Amino acid sequence: MKKILLFIALCGIVAGTALAEKADSNKPTEIFADEASFDDVKQIRTLKGNVILTRGTLVMKAGLAVLREDPEGYQFVVFTAAPGAVATFRQKRDGGDLWVEGQAERIEYDNKTEAVKLFSKAKLARLEGSRVTDEVEGPFISYDSRKEYFTVENTAAGGSTPGAGRVRMVIQPSNKPPTPATPGK
């Protein structure tokens, strides 16, 4: 447990988190795992077993997490699912009760670009409260949280190949009242 707390103190990870509510970037990061190791020379931290990372509204879970830090201090994190499971994340988006959540066998997060990539059995959903407003799934999903833009590809390598697979998207009705017709038009 002392190693885990030391790790939390050393990391300061995931500044400006993906899909972030802006306030999350000012929150401390808390990480729990069954075990952790550190290579300060290479700036690599490895967490194994029931890994749970929280920072503000961001919660990421996986069987394994490997964190690398570049010379500028930006972190790149790879979350890998435990056998037979998926890695997951959930985070509040700015404004109202808006959320985004995703899952895949592997999730990569780059806090410099605030991009999330989901590999293999990838799913991403945007929610208003508990109501799903959009959902996509496919072998690969890339999400740019700064632009609120995502792409879905039909191969787990992140490309599209004819006949390789299909992607799926579901867009729910908006539940907004209809706009009244303008008189005389």
Protein backbone atom coordinates (compact mmCIF):
# COMPACT_ATOMS: atom_id res chain seq x y z
CA MET A 1 0.00 0.00 0.00
CA LYS A 2 2.90 2.37 0.72
CA LYS A 3 4.14 1.82 -2.84
CA ILE A 4 0.74 2.73 -4.24
CA LEU A 5 0.55 5.94 -2.20
CA LEU A 6 4.13 6.81 -3.21
CA PHE A 7 3.16 6.23 -6.81
CA ILE A 8 0.22 8.61 -6.46
CA ALA A 9 2.47 11.27 -5.03
CA LEU A 10 5.03 10.81 -7.82
CA CYS A 11 2.71 10.68 -10.78
CA GLY A 12 0.66 13.83 -11.09
CA ILE A 13 -0.76 12.09 -14.16
CA VAL A 14 -3.41 12.78 -16.70
CA ALA A 15 -3.42 16.58 -16.53
CA GLY A 16 -6.10 17.99 -18.80
CA THR A 17 -7.83 14.63 -18.98
CA ALA A 18 -9.53 13.31 -22.07
CA LEU A 19 -13.20 13.99 -22.53
CA ALA A 20 -12.65 16.21 -19.56
CA GLU A 21 -14.74 18.45 -17.56
CA LYS A 22 -12.32 21.40 -17.39
CA ALA A 23 -12.21 21.32 -13.58
CA ASP A 24 -10.81 17.75 -13.64
CA SER A 25 -7.38 18.97 -14.74
CA ASN A 26 -6.97 20.72 -11.36
CA LYS A 27 -7.87 17.65 -9.31
CA PRO A 28 -5.41 15.18 -7.77
CA THR A 29 -5.04 11.77 -9.36
CA GLU A 30 -5.64 8.72 -7.19
CA ILE A 31 -4.61 5.27 -8.37
CA PHE A 32 -5.23 1.92 -6.76
CA ALA A 33 -3.78 -1.39 -7.92
CA ASP A 34 -2.70 -4.72 -6.50
CA GLU A 35 0.94 -3.93 -7.30
CA ALA A 36 3.07 -1.19 -8.85
CA SER A 37 6.62 -0.74 -10.16
CA PHE A 38 8.54 2.38 -11.17
CA ASP A 39 11.41 3.00 -13.56
CA ASP A 40 12.33 6.62 -12.88
CA VAL A 41 15.15 6.59 -15.45
CA LYS A 42 12.79 5.61 -18.30
CA GLN A 43 9.81 7.44 -16.72
CA ILE A 44 7.64 4.29 -16.86
CA ARG A 45 5.21 3.26 -14.15
CA THR A 46 3.44 -0.09 -14.30
CA LEU A 47 0.34 -0.96 -12.28
CA LYS A 48 -1.10 -4.46 -12.19
CA GLY A 49 -4.28 -6.00 -10.90
CA ASN A 50 -7.64 -4.26 -10.55
CA VAL A 51 -6.25 -0.84 -11.54
CA ILE A 52 -8.57 2.08 -10.78
CA LEU A 53 -7.54 5.62 -11.68
CA THR A 54 -9.66 8.59 -10.63
CA ARG A 55 -9.17 12.29 -11.20
CA GLY A 56 -12.16 14.50 -10.58
CA THR A 57 -15.00 12.95 -12.58
CA LEU A 58 -12.69 10.71 -14.64
CA VAL A 59 -12.65 7.02 -13.67
CA MET A 60 -10.59 4.49 -15.64
CA LYS A 61 -10.40 0.78 -14.80
CA ALA A 62 -8.29 -2.04 -16.22
CA GLY A 63 -6.26 -5.10 -15.34
CA LEU A 64 -2.99 -3.35 -16.28
CA ALA A 65 -1.89 0.25 -16.78
CA VAL A 66 1.47 1.42 -18.14
CA LEU A 67 2.25 5.13 -17.83
CA ARG A 68 5.04 6.86 -19.73
CA GLU A 69 6.06 10.47 -19.29
CA ASP A 70 7.82 12.47 -22.01
CA PRO A 71 10.56 15.05 -21.31
CA GLU A 72 7.95 17.84 -21.37
CA GLY A 73 5.99 16.14 -18.57
CA TYR A 74 3.05 14.88 -20.65
CA GLN A 75 1.76 11.42 -19.88
CA PHE A 76 0.74 8.62 -22.19
CA VAL A 77 -1.22 5.82 -20.55
CA VAL A 78 -2.12 2.38 -21.93
CA PHE A 79 -4.87 0.51 -20.09
CA THR A 80 -5.16 -3.19 -20.90
CA ALA A 81 -8.14 -5.29 -19.89
CA ALA A 82 -7.80 -8.28 -17.63
CA PRO A 83 -8.35 -11.60 -19.47
CA GLY A 84 -12.00 -11.96 -20.50
CA ALA A 85 -12.82 -8.36 -19.51
CA VAL A 86 -12.65 -4.85 -20.99
CA ALA A 87 -10.90 -1.68 -19.85
CA THR A 88 -13.35 1.15 -19.12
CA PHE A 89 -13.54 4.88 -18.62
CA ARG A 90 -16.26 7.32 -17.63
CA GLN A 91 -16.05 11.10 -17.35
CA LYS A 92 -18.30 14.09 -17.03
CA ARG A 93 -18.30 16.49 -19.97
CA ASP A 94 -18.55 20.24 -19.51
CA GLY A 95 -22.10 21.52 -19.07
CA GLY A 96 -25.11 19.99 -17.37
CA ASP A 97 -25.36 16.30 -16.57
CA LEU A 98 -23.37 15.22 -19.67
CA TRP A 99 -21.14 12.14 -19.60
CA VAL A 100 -19.03 10.02 -21.89
CA GLU A 101 -18.08 6.43 -21.27
CA GLY A 102 -16.22 3.83 -23.21
CA GLN A 103 -14.77 0.37 -23.13
CA ALA A 104 -12.35 -1.74 -25.13
CA GLU A 105 -9.74 -4.44 -24.68
CA ARG A 106 -7.10 -1.67 -24.77
CA ILE A 107 -7.48 2.07 -24.16
CA GLU A 108 -4.69 4.54 -24.93
CA TYR A 109 -4.77 8.07 -23.55
CA ASP A 110 -2.47 10.94 -24.54
CA ASN A 111 -2.85 13.93 -22.24
CA LYS A 112 -0.85 16.22 -24.54
CA THR A 113 -3.46 15.93 -27.30
CA GLU A 114 -6.33 14.91 -24.98
CA ALA A 115 -7.09 12.01 -27.31
CA VAL A 116 -8.42 8.59 -26.38
CA LYS A 117 -8.05 5.55 -28.62
CA LEU A 118 -10.05 2.40 -28.01
CA PHE A 119 -8.80 -0.83 -29.57
CA SER A 120 -10.68 -4.10 -30.10
CA LYS A 121 -14.32 -4.51 -29.04
CA ALA A 122 -14.52 -0.73 -28.71
CA LYS A 123 -17.67 1.06 -27.57
CA LEU A 124 -18.25 4.75 -26.83
CA ALA A 125 -21.43 6.35 -25.51
CA ARG A 126 -22.42 9.92 -24.76
CA LEU A 127 -25.08 10.37 -22.12
CA GLU A 128 -27.38 13.01 -20.66
CA GLY A 129 -27.74 11.79 -17.10
CA SER A 130 -28.35 8.08 -17.57
CA ARG A 131 -29.96 8.46 -21.03
CA VAL A 132 -27.71 7.41 -23.88
CA THR A 133 -27.79 10.08 -26.61
CA ASP A 134 -25.22 8.58 -29.01
CA GLU A 135 -23.36 5.33 -29.10
CA VAL A 136 -20.86 3.83 -31.48
CA GLU A 137 -19.03 0.54 -31.60
CA GLY A 138 -16.46 -1.08 -33.79
CA PRO A 139 -12.98 -2.54 -33.78
CA PHE A 140 -11.36 0.91 -33.26
CA ILE A 141 -12.56 4.31 -32.01
CA SER A 142 -10.54 7.49 -31.76
CA TYR A 143 -11.96 10.40 -29.74
CA ASP A 144 -10.61 13.97 -29.70
CA SER A 145 -12.05 15.54 -26.57
CA ARG A 146 -11.02 19.08 -27.49
CA LYS A 147 -13.11 19.01 -30.67
CA GLU A 148 -15.72 16.49 -29.44
CA TYR A 149 -14.96 14.51 -32.61
CA PHE A 150 -14.68 10.76 -33.02
CA THR A 151 -13.99 8.29 -35.79
CA VAL A 152 -14.79 4.60 -35.92
CA GLU A 153 -12.76 2.25 -38.10
CA ASN A 154 -13.38 -1.35 -39.11
CA THR A 155 -10.00 -2.81 -38.05
CA ALA A 156 -8.52 -2.95 -34.55
CA ALA A 157 -5.31 -1.42 -35.97
CA GLY A 158 -7.19 1.84 -36.55
CA GLY A 159 -7.75 1.71 -40.28
CA SER A 160 -10.51 0.80 -42.67
CA THR A 161 -10.19 -2.18 -44.94
CA PRO A 162 -12.95 -3.22 -47.34
CA GLY A 163 -14.70 -6.30 -45.98
CA ALA A 164 -12.81 -6.26 -42.66
CA GLY A 165 -15.76 -5.51 -40.44
CA ARG A 166 -18.60 -3.15 -39.76
CA VAL A 167 -19.13 -0.24 -37.42
CA ARG A 168 -22.39 0.57 -35.68
CA MET A 169 -23.87 3.91 -34.60
CA VAL A 170 -27.11 4.63 -32.76
CA ILE A 171 -28.43 8.18 -32.46
CA GLN A 172 -31.37 8.64 -30.12
CA PRO A 173 -34.18 11.13 -30.77
CA SER A 174 -33.39 14.49 -29.20
CA ASN A 175 -36.64 14.76 -27.17
CA LYS A 176 -36.65 18.49 -27.89
CA PRO A 177 -40.03 20.09 -28.54
CA PRO A 178 -40.69 20.72 -32.23
CA THR A 179 -39.98 24.20 -33.51
CA PRO A 180 -43.26 25.97 -34.30
CA ALA A 181 -43.79 26.92 -37.94
CA THR A 182 -43.22 30.56 -38.76
CA PRO A 183 -46.49 32.23 -39.88
CA GLY A 184 -46.60 33.11 -43.56
CA LYS A 185 -44.03 30.55 -44.62
